[in-house]
Full PDB file with SEQRES, HELIX, SHEET, SSBOND, CRYST1, ORIGX, SCALE, CONECT and MASTER records, all heavy atoms in Angstrom:
SEQRES   1 A   35  THR ALA PHE LEU GLY GLN TRP GLY VAL PHE PRO LEU PHE          
SEQRES   2 A   35  ASP SER GLY THR ILE VAL ALA SER ASP ARG ASN ASN GLY          
SEQRES   3 A   35  LEU ILE VAL MET GLN LEU SER ASP THR                          
SHEET    1 AA1 3 GLN A   6  PHE A  10  0                                        
SHEET    2 AA1 3 THR A  17  ASP A  22 -1                                        
SHEET    3 AA1 3 GLY A  26  GLN A  31 -1                                        
CRYST1    1.000    1.000    1.000  90.00  90.00  90.00 P 1           1          
ORIGX1      1.000000  0.000000  0.000000        0.00000                         
ORIGX2      0.000000  1.000000  0.000000        0.00000                         
ORIGX3      0.000000  0.000000  1.000000        0.00000                         
SCALE1      1.000000  0.000000  0.000000        0.00000                         
SCALE2      0.000000  1.000000  0.000000        0.00000                         
SCALE3      0.000000  0.000000  1.000000        0.00000                         
ATOM      1  N   THR A   1       0.815  -1.215   0.000  1.00  0.00           N  
ATOM      2  CA  THR A   1       0.000   0.000   0.000  1.00  0.00           C  
ATOM      3  C   THR A   1       0.848   1.263   0.000  1.00  0.00           C  
ATOM      4  O   THR A   1       0.389   2.321  -0.429  1.00  0.00           O  
ATOM      5  CB  THR A   1      -0.950   0.029   1.202  1.00  0.00           C  
ATOM      6  OG1 THR A   1      -0.183  -0.091   2.406  1.00  0.00           O  
ATOM      7  CG2 THR A   1      -1.965  -1.097   1.125  1.00  0.00           C  
ATOM      8  N   ALA A   2       2.084   1.176   0.473  1.00  0.00           N  
ATOM      9  CA  ALA A   2       2.959   2.353   0.482  1.00  0.00           C  
ATOM     10  C   ALA A   2       3.312   2.800  -0.929  1.00  0.00           C  
ATOM     11  O   ALA A   2       3.751   3.939  -1.135  1.00  0.00           O  
ATOM     12  CB  ALA A   2       4.230   2.056   1.271  1.00  0.00           C  
ATOM     13  N   PHE A   3       3.128   1.920  -1.934  1.00  0.00           N  
ATOM     14  CA  PHE A   3       3.486   2.232  -3.317  1.00  0.00           C  
ATOM     15  C   PHE A   3       2.257   2.409  -4.197  1.00  0.00           C  
ATOM     16  O   PHE A   3       2.367   2.406  -5.424  1.00  0.00           O  
ATOM     17  CB  PHE A   3       4.380   1.125  -3.886  1.00  0.00           C  
ATOM     18  CG  PHE A   3       5.725   1.047  -3.217  1.00  0.00           C  
ATOM     19  CD1 PHE A   3       5.894   0.278  -2.077  1.00  0.00           C  
ATOM     20  CD2 PHE A   3       6.805   1.756  -3.702  1.00  0.00           C  
ATOM     21  CE1 PHE A   3       7.128   0.195  -1.458  1.00  0.00           C  
ATOM     22  CE2 PHE A   3       8.041   1.690  -3.088  1.00  0.00           C  
ATOM     23  CZ  PHE A   3       8.210   0.907  -1.956  1.00  0.00           C  
ATOM     24  N   LEU A   4       1.094   2.580  -3.589  1.00  0.00           N  
ATOM     25  CA  LEU A   4      -0.105   2.898  -4.353  1.00  0.00           C  
ATOM     26  C   LEU A   4      -0.239   4.414  -4.494  1.00  0.00           C  
ATOM     27  O   LEU A   4       0.382   5.181  -3.765  1.00  0.00           O  
ATOM     28  CB  LEU A   4      -1.345   2.318  -3.671  1.00  0.00           C  
ATOM     29  CG  LEU A   4      -1.440   0.793  -3.614  1.00  0.00           C  
ATOM     30  CD1 LEU A   4      -2.676   0.369  -2.835  1.00  0.00           C  
ATOM     31  CD2 LEU A   4      -1.452   0.185  -5.013  1.00  0.00           C  
ATOM     32  N   GLY A   5      -1.087   4.815  -5.415  1.00  0.00           N  
ATOM     33  CA  GLY A   5      -1.291   6.246  -5.621  1.00  0.00           C  
ATOM     34  C   GLY A   5      -0.475   6.762  -6.789  1.00  0.00           C  
ATOM     35  O   GLY A   5      -0.260   6.072  -7.786  1.00  0.00           O  
ATOM     36  N   GLN A   6       0.016   7.992  -6.651  1.00  0.00           N  
ATOM     37  CA  GLN A   6       0.555   8.712  -7.805  1.00  0.00           C  
ATOM     38  C   GLN A   6       2.002   8.334  -8.117  1.00  0.00           C  
ATOM     39  O   GLN A   6       2.864   8.318  -7.247  1.00  0.00           O  
ATOM     40  CB  GLN A   6       0.449  10.215  -7.568  1.00  0.00           C  
ATOM     41  CG  GLN A   6       0.463  11.017  -8.846  1.00  0.00           C  
ATOM     42  CD  GLN A   6       0.149  12.479  -8.606  1.00  0.00           C  
ATOM     43  OE1 GLN A   6       0.967  13.353  -8.870  1.00  0.00           O  
ATOM     44  NE2 GLN A   6      -1.032  12.773  -8.101  1.00  0.00           N  
ATOM     45  N   TRP A   7       2.254   8.050  -9.396  1.00  0.00           N  
ATOM     46  CA  TRP A   7       3.574   7.623  -9.883  1.00  0.00           C  
ATOM     47  C   TRP A   7       4.326   8.778 -10.533  1.00  0.00           C  
ATOM     48  O   TRP A   7       5.497   9.005 -10.262  1.00  0.00           O  
ATOM     49  CB  TRP A   7       3.385   6.489 -10.896  1.00  0.00           C  
ATOM     50  CG  TRP A   7       4.637   5.902 -11.471  1.00  0.00           C  
ATOM     51  CD1 TRP A   7       5.521   6.496 -12.319  1.00  0.00           C  
ATOM     52  CD2 TRP A   7       5.128   4.565 -11.264  1.00  0.00           C  
ATOM     53  NE1 TRP A   7       6.518   5.622 -12.670  1.00  0.00           N  
ATOM     54  CE2 TRP A   7       6.315   4.433 -12.033  1.00  0.00           C  
ATOM     55  CE3 TRP A   7       4.656   3.467 -10.536  1.00  0.00           C  
ATOM     56  CZ2 TRP A   7       7.045   3.249 -12.076  1.00  0.00           C  
ATOM     57  CZ3 TRP A   7       5.391   2.291 -10.579  1.00  0.00           C  
ATOM     58  CH2 TRP A   7       6.566   2.186 -11.334  1.00  0.00           C  
ATOM     59  N   GLY A   8       3.662   9.493 -11.453  1.00  0.00           N  
ATOM     60  CA  GLY A   8       4.343  10.544 -12.194  1.00  0.00           C  
ATOM     61  C   GLY A   8       3.459  11.747 -12.427  1.00  0.00           C  
ATOM     62  O   GLY A   8       2.230  11.673 -12.323  1.00  0.00           O  
ATOM     63  N   VAL A   9       4.100  12.867 -12.772  1.00  0.00           N  
ATOM     64  CA  VAL A   9       3.373  14.107 -13.027  1.00  0.00           C  
ATOM     65  C   VAL A   9       4.082  14.852 -14.154  1.00  0.00           C  
ATOM     66  O   VAL A   9       5.312  14.806 -14.266  1.00  0.00           O  
ATOM     67  CB  VAL A   9       3.281  14.972 -11.751  1.00  0.00           C  
ATOM     68  CG1 VAL A   9       4.657  15.369 -11.241  1.00  0.00           C  
ATOM     69  CG2 VAL A   9       2.402  16.191 -11.957  1.00  0.00           C  
ATOM     70  N   PHE A  10       3.286  15.528 -15.021  1.00  0.00           N  
ATOM     71  CA  PHE A  10       3.847  16.305 -16.127  1.00  0.00           C  
ATOM     72  C   PHE A  10       3.175  17.679 -16.137  1.00  0.00           C  
ATOM     73  O   PHE A  10       1.985  17.794 -16.455  1.00  0.00           O  
ATOM     74  CB  PHE A  10       3.605  15.593 -17.469  1.00  0.00           C  
ATOM     75  CG  PHE A  10       4.191  16.318 -18.647  1.00  0.00           C  
ATOM     76  CD1 PHE A  10       5.525  16.142 -19.001  1.00  0.00           C  
ATOM     77  CD2 PHE A  10       3.421  17.198 -19.406  1.00  0.00           C  
ATOM     78  CE1 PHE A  10       6.074  16.816 -20.094  1.00  0.00           C  
ATOM     79  CE2 PHE A  10       3.958  17.870 -20.498  1.00  0.00           C  
ATOM     80  CZ  PHE A  10       5.288  17.678 -20.837  1.00  0.00           C  
ATOM     81  N   PRO A  11       3.941  18.750 -15.798  1.00  0.00           N  
ATOM     82  CA  PRO A  11       3.367  20.097 -15.732  1.00  0.00           C  
ATOM     83  C   PRO A  11       3.837  21.038 -16.834  1.00  0.00           C  
ATOM     84  O   PRO A  11       3.675  22.252 -16.708  1.00  0.00           O  
ATOM     85  CB  PRO A  11       3.908  20.587 -14.391  1.00  0.00           C  
ATOM     86  CG  PRO A  11       5.299  20.009 -14.357  1.00  0.00           C  
ATOM     87  CD  PRO A  11       5.241  18.694 -15.111  1.00  0.00           C  
ATOM     88  N   LEU A  12       4.426  20.517 -17.914  1.00  0.00           N  
ATOM     89  CA  LEU A  12       5.153  21.366 -18.858  1.00  0.00           C  
ATOM     90  C   LEU A  12       4.338  21.876 -20.034  1.00  0.00           C  
ATOM     91  O   LEU A  12       4.880  22.541 -20.922  1.00  0.00           O  
ATOM     92  CB  LEU A  12       6.389  20.612 -19.384  1.00  0.00           C  
ATOM     93  CG  LEU A  12       7.412  20.197 -18.316  1.00  0.00           C  
ATOM     94  CD1 LEU A  12       8.582  19.472 -18.960  1.00  0.00           C  
ATOM     95  CD2 LEU A  12       7.900  21.401 -17.513  1.00  0.00           C  
ATOM     96  N   PHE A  13       3.050  21.584 -20.095  1.00  0.00           N  
ATOM     97  CA  PHE A  13       2.233  22.143 -21.175  1.00  0.00           C  
ATOM     98  C   PHE A  13       2.182  23.670 -21.071  1.00  0.00           C  
ATOM     99  O   PHE A  13       2.056  24.227 -19.968  1.00  0.00           O  
ATOM    100  CB  PHE A  13       0.803  21.597 -21.111  1.00  0.00           C  
ATOM    101  CG  PHE A  13       0.671  20.136 -21.458  1.00  0.00           C  
ATOM    102  CD1 PHE A  13       0.078  19.257 -20.565  1.00  0.00           C  
ATOM    103  CD2 PHE A  13       1.110  19.650 -22.673  1.00  0.00           C  
ATOM    104  CE1 PHE A  13      -0.065  17.916 -20.877  1.00  0.00           C  
ATOM    105  CE2 PHE A  13       0.979  18.303 -22.998  1.00  0.00           C  
ATOM    106  CZ  PHE A  13       0.390  17.434 -22.098  1.00  0.00           C  
ATOM    107  N   ASP A  14       2.230  24.354 -22.218  1.00  0.00           N  
ATOM    108  CA  ASP A  14       2.155  25.820 -22.220  1.00  0.00           C  
ATOM    109  C   ASP A  14       0.821  26.321 -21.676  1.00  0.00           C  
ATOM    110  O   ASP A  14       0.730  27.432 -21.145  1.00  0.00           O  
ATOM    111  CB  ASP A  14       2.357  26.354 -23.644  1.00  0.00           C  
ATOM    112  CG  ASP A  14       3.785  26.207 -24.132  1.00  0.00           C  
ATOM    113  OD1 ASP A  14       4.685  26.014 -23.292  1.00  0.00           O  
ATOM    114  OD2 ASP A  14       4.002  26.275 -25.361  1.00  0.00           O  
ATOM    115  N   SER A  15      -0.233  25.516 -21.809  1.00  0.00           N  
ATOM    116  CA  SER A  15      -1.560  25.922 -21.351  1.00  0.00           C  
ATOM    117  C   SER A  15      -1.668  25.996 -19.835  1.00  0.00           C  
ATOM    118  O   SER A  15      -2.602  26.605 -19.303  1.00  0.00           O  
ATOM    119  CB  SER A  15      -2.606  24.936 -21.863  1.00  0.00           C  
ATOM    120  OG  SER A  15      -2.407  23.656 -21.264  1.00  0.00           O  
ATOM    121  N   GLY A  16      -0.743  25.357 -19.122  1.00  0.00           N  
ATOM    122  CA  GLY A  16      -0.843  25.269 -17.675  1.00  0.00           C  
ATOM    123  C   GLY A  16      -1.532  24.012 -17.186  1.00  0.00           C  
ATOM    124  O   GLY A  16      -1.587  23.769 -15.978  1.00  0.00           O  
ATOM    125  N   THR A  17      -2.055  23.207 -18.095  1.00  0.00           N  
ATOM    126  CA  THR A  17      -2.651  21.936 -17.693  1.00  0.00           C  
ATOM    127  C   THR A  17      -1.579  21.024 -17.110  1.00  0.00           C  
ATOM    128  O   THR A  17      -0.461  20.946 -17.627  1.00  0.00           O  
ATOM    129  CB  THR A  17      -3.327  21.246 -18.897  1.00  0.00           C  
ATOM    130  OG1 THR A  17      -4.422  22.054 -19.332  1.00  0.00           O  
ATOM    131  CG2 THR A  17      -3.839  19.866 -18.523  1.00  0.00           C  
ATOM    132  N   ILE A  18      -1.924  20.342 -16.036  1.00  0.00           N  
ATOM    133  CA  ILE A  18      -1.025  19.399 -15.370  1.00  0.00           C  
ATOM    134  C   ILE A  18      -1.674  18.021 -15.439  1.00  0.00           C  
ATOM    135  O   ILE A  18      -2.865  17.881 -15.131  1.00  0.00           O  
ATOM    136  CB  ILE A  18      -0.800  19.788 -13.891  1.00  0.00           C  
ATOM    137  CG1 ILE A  18      -0.243  21.209 -13.789  1.00  0.00           C  
ATOM    138  CG2 ILE A  18       0.105  18.795 -13.188  1.00  0.00           C  
ATOM    139  CD1 ILE A  18      -0.382  21.819 -12.416  1.00  0.00           C  
ATOM    140  N   VAL A  19      -0.907  17.018 -15.849  1.00  0.00           N  
ATOM    141  CA  VAL A  19      -1.426  15.654 -15.885  1.00  0.00           C  
ATOM    142  C   VAL A  19      -0.577  14.781 -14.973  1.00  0.00           C  
ATOM    143  O   VAL A  19       0.637  14.984 -14.851  1.00  0.00           O  
ATOM    144  CB  VAL A  19      -1.465  15.075 -17.308  1.00  0.00           C  
ATOM    145  CG1 VAL A  19      -2.517  15.781 -18.139  1.00  0.00           C  
ATOM    146  CG2 VAL A  19      -0.104  15.153 -17.985  1.00  0.00           C  
ATOM    147  N   ALA A  20      -1.224  13.847 -14.316  1.00  0.00           N  
ATOM    148  CA  ALA A  20      -0.529  12.942 -13.404  1.00  0.00           C  
ATOM    149  C   ALA A  20      -1.081  11.532 -13.575  1.00  0.00           C  
ATOM    150  O   ALA A  20      -2.254  11.348 -13.914  1.00  0.00           O  
ATOM    151  CB  ALA A  20      -0.692  13.404 -11.952  1.00  0.00           C  
ATOM    152  N   SER A  21      -0.221  10.557 -13.335  1.00  0.00           N  
ATOM    153  CA  SER A  21      -0.619   9.157 -13.430  1.00  0.00           C  
ATOM    154  C   SER A  21      -0.717   8.575 -12.031  1.00  0.00           C  
ATOM    155  O   SER A  21       0.266   8.534 -11.296  1.00  0.00           O  
ATOM    156  CB  SER A  21       0.391   8.366 -14.264  1.00  0.00           C  
ATOM    157  OG  SER A  21       1.720   8.557 -13.789  1.00  0.00           O  
ATOM    158  N   ASP A  22      -1.922   8.172 -11.670  1.00  0.00           N  
ATOM    159  CA  ASP A  22      -2.159   7.544 -10.375  1.00  0.00           C  
ATOM    160  C   ASP A  22      -2.315   6.046 -10.616  1.00  0.00           C  
ATOM    161  O   ASP A  22      -3.169   5.620 -11.392  1.00  0.00           O  
ATOM    162  CB  ASP A  22      -3.417   8.121  -9.724  1.00  0.00           C  
ATOM    163  CG  ASP A  22      -3.585   7.678  -8.289  1.00  0.00           C  
ATOM    164  OD1 ASP A  22      -3.851   6.483  -8.075  1.00  0.00           O  
ATOM    165  OD2 ASP A  22      -3.459   8.516  -7.383  1.00  0.00           O  
ATOM    166  N   ARG A  23      -1.504   5.246  -9.967  1.00  0.00           N  
ATOM    167  CA  ARG A  23      -1.434   3.826 -10.283  1.00  0.00           C  
ATOM    168  C   ARG A  23      -2.798   3.156 -10.277  1.00  0.00           C  
ATOM    169  O   ARG A  23      -3.111   2.361 -11.162  1.00  0.00           O  
ATOM    170  CB  ARG A  23      -0.524   3.095  -9.284  1.00  0.00           C  
ATOM    171  CG  ARG A  23       0.930   3.512  -9.332  1.00  0.00           C  
ATOM    172  CD  ARG A  23       1.786   2.548  -8.556  1.00  0.00           C  
ATOM    173  NE  ARG A  23       1.823   1.247  -9.223  1.00  0.00           N  
ATOM    174  CZ  ARG A  23       2.203   0.126  -8.624  1.00  0.00           C  
ATOM    175  NH1 ARG A  23       2.539   0.134  -7.348  1.00  0.00           N  
ATOM    176  NH2 ARG A  23       2.231  -1.017  -9.295  1.00  0.00           N  
ATOM    177  N   ASN A  24      -3.599   3.453  -9.281  1.00  0.00           N  
ATOM    178  CA  ASN A  24      -4.868   2.741  -9.135  1.00  0.00           C  
ATOM    179  C   ASN A  24      -6.086   3.619  -9.384  1.00  0.00           C  
ATOM    180  O   ASN A  24      -7.208   3.125  -9.373  1.00  0.00           O  
ATOM    181  CB  ASN A  24      -4.974   2.092  -7.751  1.00  0.00           C  
ATOM    182  CG  ASN A  24      -4.488   2.984  -6.637  1.00  0.00           C  
ATOM    183  OD1 ASN A  24      -3.373   3.476  -6.693  1.00  0.00           O  
ATOM    184  ND2 ASN A  24      -5.293   3.180  -5.621  1.00  0.00           N  
ATOM    185  N   ASN A  25      -5.898   4.919  -9.670  1.00  0.00           N  
ATOM    186  CA  ASN A  25      -7.039   5.806  -9.913  1.00  0.00           C  
ATOM    187  C   ASN A  25      -7.067   6.391 -11.314  1.00  0.00           C  
ATOM    188  O   ASN A  25      -8.010   7.092 -11.664  1.00  0.00           O  
ATOM    189  CB  ASN A  25      -7.038   6.945  -8.885  1.00  0.00           C  
ATOM    190  CG  ASN A  25      -7.348   6.444  -7.490  1.00  0.00           C  
ATOM    191  OD1 ASN A  25      -8.372   5.801  -7.261  1.00  0.00           O  
ATOM    192  ND2 ASN A  25      -6.440   6.695  -6.550  1.00  0.00           N  
ATOM    193  N   GLY A  26      -6.033   6.131 -12.122  1.00  0.00           N  
ATOM    194  CA  GLY A  26      -6.060   6.562 -13.511  1.00  0.00           C  
ATOM    195  C   GLY A  26      -5.390   7.902 -13.749  1.00  0.00           C  
ATOM    196  O   GLY A  26      -4.614   8.400 -12.938  1.00  0.00           O  
ATOM    197  N   LEU A  27      -5.725   8.491 -14.895  1.00  0.00           N  
ATOM    198  CA  LEU A  27      -5.164   9.781 -15.298  1.00  0.00           C  
ATOM    199  C   LEU A  27      -5.847  10.903 -14.536  1.00  0.00           C  
ATOM    200  O   LEU A  27      -7.070  10.993 -14.493  1.00  0.00           O  
ATOM    201  CB  LEU A  27      -5.348   9.978 -16.805  1.00  0.00           C  
ATOM    202  CG  LEU A  27      -4.924  11.347 -17.367  1.00  0.00           C  
ATOM    203  CD1 LEU A  27      -3.419  11.524 -17.257  1.00  0.00           C  
ATOM    204  CD2 LEU A  27      -5.378  11.488 -18.817  1.00  0.00           C  
ATOM    205  N   ILE A  28      -5.037  11.782 -13.956  1.00  0.00           N  
ATOM    206  CA  ILE A  28      -5.533  12.950 -13.223  1.00  0.00           C  
ATOM    207  C   ILE A  28      -5.164  14.200 -14.027  1.00  0.00           C  
ATOM    208  O   ILE A  28      -4.003  14.370 -14.415  1.00  0.00           O  
ATOM    209  CB  ILE A  28      -4.910  13.039 -11.813  1.00  0.00           C  
ATOM    210  CG1 ILE A  28      -5.032  11.699 -11.067  1.00  0.00           C  
ATOM    211  CG2 ILE A  28      -5.543  14.173 -11.027  1.00  0.00           C  
ATOM    212  CD1 ILE A  28      -6.436  11.245 -10.789  1.00  0.00           C  
ATOM    213  N   VAL A  29      -6.142  15.056 -14.298  1.00  0.00           N  
ATOM    214  CA  VAL A  29      -5.917  16.296 -15.051  1.00  0.00           C  
ATOM    215  C   VAL A  29      -6.204  17.462 -14.124  1.00  0.00           C  
ATOM    216  O   VAL A  29      -7.302  17.553 -13.544  1.00  0.00           O  
ATOM    217  CB  VAL A  29      -6.797  16.363 -16.314  1.00  0.00           C  
ATOM    218  CG1 VAL A  29      -6.466  17.609 -17.131  1.00  0.00           C  
ATOM    219  CG2 VAL A  29      -6.610  15.104 -17.169  1.00  0.00           C  
ATOM    220  N   MET A  30      -5.245  18.384 -13.982  1.00  0.00           N  
ATOM    221  CA  MET A  30      -5.350  19.451 -12.990  1.00  0.00           C  
ATOM    222  C   MET A  30      -4.870  20.775 -13.571  1.00  0.00           C  
ATOM    223  O   MET A  30      -4.248  20.818 -14.628  1.00  0.00           O  
ATOM    224  CB  MET A  30      -4.467  19.130 -11.768  1.00  0.00           C  
ATOM    225  CG  MET A  30      -4.758  17.820 -11.080  1.00  0.00           C  
ATOM    226  SD  MET A  30      -3.447  17.368  -9.885  1.00  0.00           S  
ATOM    227  CE  MET A  30      -2.186  16.741 -11.005  1.00  0.00           C  
ATOM    228  N   GLN A  31      -5.149  21.839 -12.843  1.00  0.00           N  
ATOM    229  CA  GLN A  31      -4.545  23.138 -13.075  1.00  0.00           C  
ATOM    230  C   GLN A  31      -4.185  23.735 -11.733  1.00  0.00           C  
ATOM    231  O   GLN A  31      -4.889  23.511 -10.731  1.00  0.00           O  
ATOM    232  CB  GLN A  31      -5.492  24.066 -13.835  1.00  0.00           C  
ATOM    233  CG  GLN A  31      -5.690  23.674 -15.298  1.00  0.00           C  
ATOM    234  CD  GLN A  31      -6.553  24.653 -16.063  1.00  0.00           C  
ATOM    235  OE1 GLN A  31      -7.402  25.313 -15.474  1.00  0.00           O  
ATOM    236  NE2 GLN A  31      -6.354  24.744 -17.359  1.00  0.00           N  
ATOM    237  N   LEU A  32      -3.100  24.489 -11.685  1.00  0.00           N  
ATOM    238  CA  LEU A  32      -2.649  25.109 -10.446  1.00  0.00           C  
ATOM    239  C   LEU A  32      -3.293  26.468 -10.278  1.00  0.00           C  
ATOM    240  O   LEU A  32      -3.280  27.296 -11.197  1.00  0.00           O  
ATOM    241  CB  LEU A  32      -1.127  25.250 -10.450  1.00  0.00           C  
ATOM    242  CG  LEU A  32      -0.485  25.819  -9.193  1.00  0.00           C  
ATOM    243  CD1 LEU A  32      -0.717  24.903  -7.996  1.00  0.00           C  
ATOM    244  CD2 LEU A  32       1.015  26.026  -9.410  1.00  0.00           C  
ATOM    245  N   SER A  33      -3.863  26.707  -9.100  1.00  0.00           N  
ATOM    246  CA  SER A  33      -4.496  27.977  -8.802  1.00  0.00           C  
ATOM    247  C   SER A  33      -3.757  28.670  -7.671  1.00  0.00           C  
ATOM    248  O   SER A  33      -3.218  28.020  -6.768  1.00  0.00           O  
ATOM    249  CB  SER A  33      -5.966  27.754  -8.394  1.00  0.00           C  
ATOM    250  OG  SER A  33      -6.538  28.959  -7.920  1.00  0.00           O  
ATOM    251  N   ASP A  34      -3.693  29.977  -7.723  1.00  0.00           N  
ATOM    252  CA  ASP A  34      -3.106  30.738  -6.625  1.00  0.00           C  
ATOM    253  C   ASP A  34      -4.086  30.898  -5.467  1.00  0.00           C  
ATOM    254  O   ASP A  34      -3.729  31.386  -4.398  1.00  0.00           O  
ATOM    255  CB  ASP A  34      -2.678  32.123  -7.105  1.00  0.00           C  
ATOM    256  CG  ASP A  34      -1.498  32.057  -8.055  1.00  0.00           C  
ATOM    257  OD1 ASP A  34      -0.691  31.123  -7.907  1.00  0.00           O  
ATOM    258  OD2 ASP A  34      -1.388  32.922  -8.945  1.00  0.00           O  
ATOM    259  N   THR A  35      -5.337  30.491  -5.683  1.00  0.00           N  
ATOM    260  CA  THR A  35      -6.347  30.629  -4.654  1.00  0.00           C  
ATOM    261  C   THR A  35      -6.416  29.364  -3.804  1.00  0.00           C  
ATOM    262  O   THR A  35      -6.541  28.268  -4.346  1.00  0.00           O  
ATOM    263  CB  THR A  35      -7.743  30.866  -5.287  1.00  0.00           C  
ATOM    264  OG1 THR A  35      -7.677  32.010  -6.124  1.00  0.00           O  
ATOM    265  CG2 THR A  35      -8.794  31.055  -4.219  1.00  0.00           C  
TER     266      THR A  35                                                      
MASTER        0    0    0    0    3    0    0    6  265    1    0    3          
END                                                                             
């Protein structure tokens, strides 16, 4: 269980979209907010 969850993250799109790979929950799509 210590190795479940998020494996990798990619924040380099010019749009600001952030994508992450969660081993057991799938693709996560995010954006960073200052709020």
